[in-house]
Amino acid sequence: MAASGPERGPGSSPSIPTERRAARICINLREDTHDDLRAIALEEGRSLSNLCAHLLEQMLEQLKGSR
């Protein structure tokens, strides 16, 4: 039997397209980096995790564009 729609992994939401699905990661930061990021997040009204995701996505786009 053929599957309909994009393939999804276990626990994924059928209402979110595969290319937009979020994945969690765990990273270790120096304390001063963490403090700087938290201050920026508070200033911008974002959560720390949202700011980190935003910054990583921006940097990835820049790296892709420079290749």
C-alpha atoms as a PDB file:
ATOM      1  CA  MET A   1       0.000   0.000   0.000  1.00  0.00           C
ATOM      2  CA  ALA A   2       1.441   3.385  -1.007  1.00  0.00           C
ATOM      3  CA  ALA A   3       1.722   6.089   1.618  1.00  0.00           C
ATOM      4  CA  SER A   4      -0.011   9.386   0.955  1.00  0.00           C
ATOM      5  CA  GLY A   5       1.643  12.671   1.820  1.00  0.00           C
ATOM      6  CA  PRO A   6       5.152  13.281   3.173  1.00  0.00           C
ATOM      7  CA  GLU A   7       6.779  10.682   5.371  1.00  0.00           C
ATOM      8  CA  ARG A   8       6.770  11.520   9.057  1.00  0.00           C
ATOM      9  CA  GLY A   9       8.741  10.108  11.923  1.00  0.00           C
ATOM     10  CA  PRO A  10       7.344   8.660  15.128  1.00  0.00           C
ATOM     11  CA  GLY A  11       5.552  11.196  17.275  1.00  0.00           C
ATOM     12  CA  SER A  12       5.365  13.829  14.554  1.00  0.00           C
ATOM     13  CA  SER A  13       2.247  15.861  14.102  1.00  0.00           C
ATOM     14  CA  PRO A  14       0.294  15.127  10.915  1.00  0.00           C
ATOM     15  CA  SER A  15      -0.851  18.771  10.774  1.00  0.00           C
ATOM     16  CA  ILE A  16       2.694  20.156  10.467  1.00  0.00           C
ATOM     17  CA  PRO A  17       4.458  19.646   7.099  1.00  0.00           C
ATOM     18  CA  THR A  18       7.732  17.731   7.402  1.00  0.00           C
ATOM     19  CA  GLU A  19       9.852  20.685   6.263  1.00  0.00           C
ATOM     20  CA  ARG A  20       8.459  22.908   9.051  1.00  0.00           C
ATOM     21  CA  ARG A  21       8.587  20.399  11.906  1.00  0.00           C
ATOM     22  CA  ALA A  22      10.739  21.430  14.860  1.00  0.00           C
ATOM     23  CA  ALA A  23      13.443  19.283  16.440  1.00  0.00           C
ATOM     24  CA  ARG A  24      15.018  19.785  19.844  1.00  0.00           C
ATOM     25  CA  ILE A  25      18.759  19.889  20.459  1.00  0.00           C
ATOM     26  CA  CYS A  26      20.865  20.232  23.564  1.00  0.00           C
ATOM     27  CA  ILE A  27      24.004  22.397  23.541  1.00  0.00           C
ATOM     28  CA  ASN A  28      26.509  23.554  26.127  1.00  0.00           C
ATOM     29  CA  LEU A  29      27.410  27.239  26.284  1.00  0.00           C
ATOM     30  CA  ARG A  30      29.930  29.193  28.246  1.00  0.00           C
ATOM     31  CA  GLU A  31      28.232  31.028  31.083  1.00  0.00           C
ATOM     32  CA  ASP A  32      29.038  34.465  29.661  1.00  0.00           C
ATOM     33  CA  THR A  33      27.549  33.476  26.281  1.00  0.00           C
ATOM     34  CA  HIS A  34      24.411  32.223  28.029  1.00  0.00           C
ATOM     35  CA  ASP A  35      24.137  35.463  29.998  1.00  0.00           C
ATOM     36  CA  ASP A  36      24.542  37.580  26.851  1.00  0.00           C
ATOM     37  CA  LEU A  37      21.904  35.560  24.989  1.00  0.00           C
ATOM     38  CA  ARG A  38      19.484  35.780  27.901  1.00  0.00           C
ATOM     39  CA  ALA A  39      19.908  39.568  28.067  1.00  0.00           C
ATOM     40  CA  ILE A  40      19.230  39.892  24.324  1.00  0.00           C
ATOM     41  CA  ALA A  41      16.195  37.603  24.600  1.00  0.00           C
ATOM     42  CA  LEU A  42      14.734  39.697  27.410  1.00  0.00           C
ATOM     43  CA  GLU A  43      15.409  42.899  25.475  1.00  0.00           C
ATOM     44  CA  GLU A  44      13.651  41.504  22.386  1.00  0.00           C
ATOM     45  CA  GLY A  45      10.785  39.947  24.336  1.00  0.00           C
ATOM     46  CA  ARG A  46      11.666  36.427  23.191  1.00  0.00           C
ATOM     47  CA  SER A  47      12.312  33.217  25.034  1.00  0.00           C
ATOM     48  CA  LEU A  48      15.960  32.204  25.175  1.00  0.00           C
ATOM     49  CA  SER A  49      15.284  29.064  23.130  1.00  0.00           C
ATOM     50  CA  ASN A  50      13.418  31.059  20.472  1.00  0.00           C
ATOM     51  CA  LEU A  51      16.281  33.540  20.179  1.00  0.00           C
ATOM     52  CA  CYS A  52      18.837  30.734  19.842  1.00  0.00           C
ATOM     53  CA  ALA A  53      16.760  29.008  17.147  1.00  0.00           C
ATOM     54  CA  HIS A  54      16.364  32.324  15.299  1.00  0.00           C
ATOM     55  CA  LEU A  55      20.102  33.048  15.417  1.00  0.00           C
ATOM     56  CA  LEU A  56      21.034  29.535  14.268  1.00  0.00           C
ATOM     57  CA  GLU A  57      18.564  29.707  11.374  1.00  0.00           C
ATOM     58  CA  GLN A  58      19.920  33.124  10.307  1.00  0.00           C
ATOM     59  CA  MET A  59      23.515  31.890  10.412  1.00  0.00           C
ATOM     60  CA  LEU A  60      22.645  28.759   8.437  1.00  0.00           C
ATOM     61  CA  GLU A  61      20.995  30.868   5.730  1.00  0.00           C
ATOM     62  CA  GLN A  62      24.124  33.060   5.546  1.00  0.00           C
ATOM     63  CA  LEU A  63      26.361  30.008   5.283  1.00  0.00           C
ATOM     64  CA  LYS A  64      24.199  28.498   2.552  1.00  0.00           C
ATOM     65  CA  GLY A  65      24.293  31.771   0.626  1.00  0.00           C
ATOM     66  CA  SER A  66      28.074  32.037   0.775  1.00  0.00           C
ATOM     67  CA  ARG A  67      28.701  28.640  -0.855  1.00  0.00           C
END
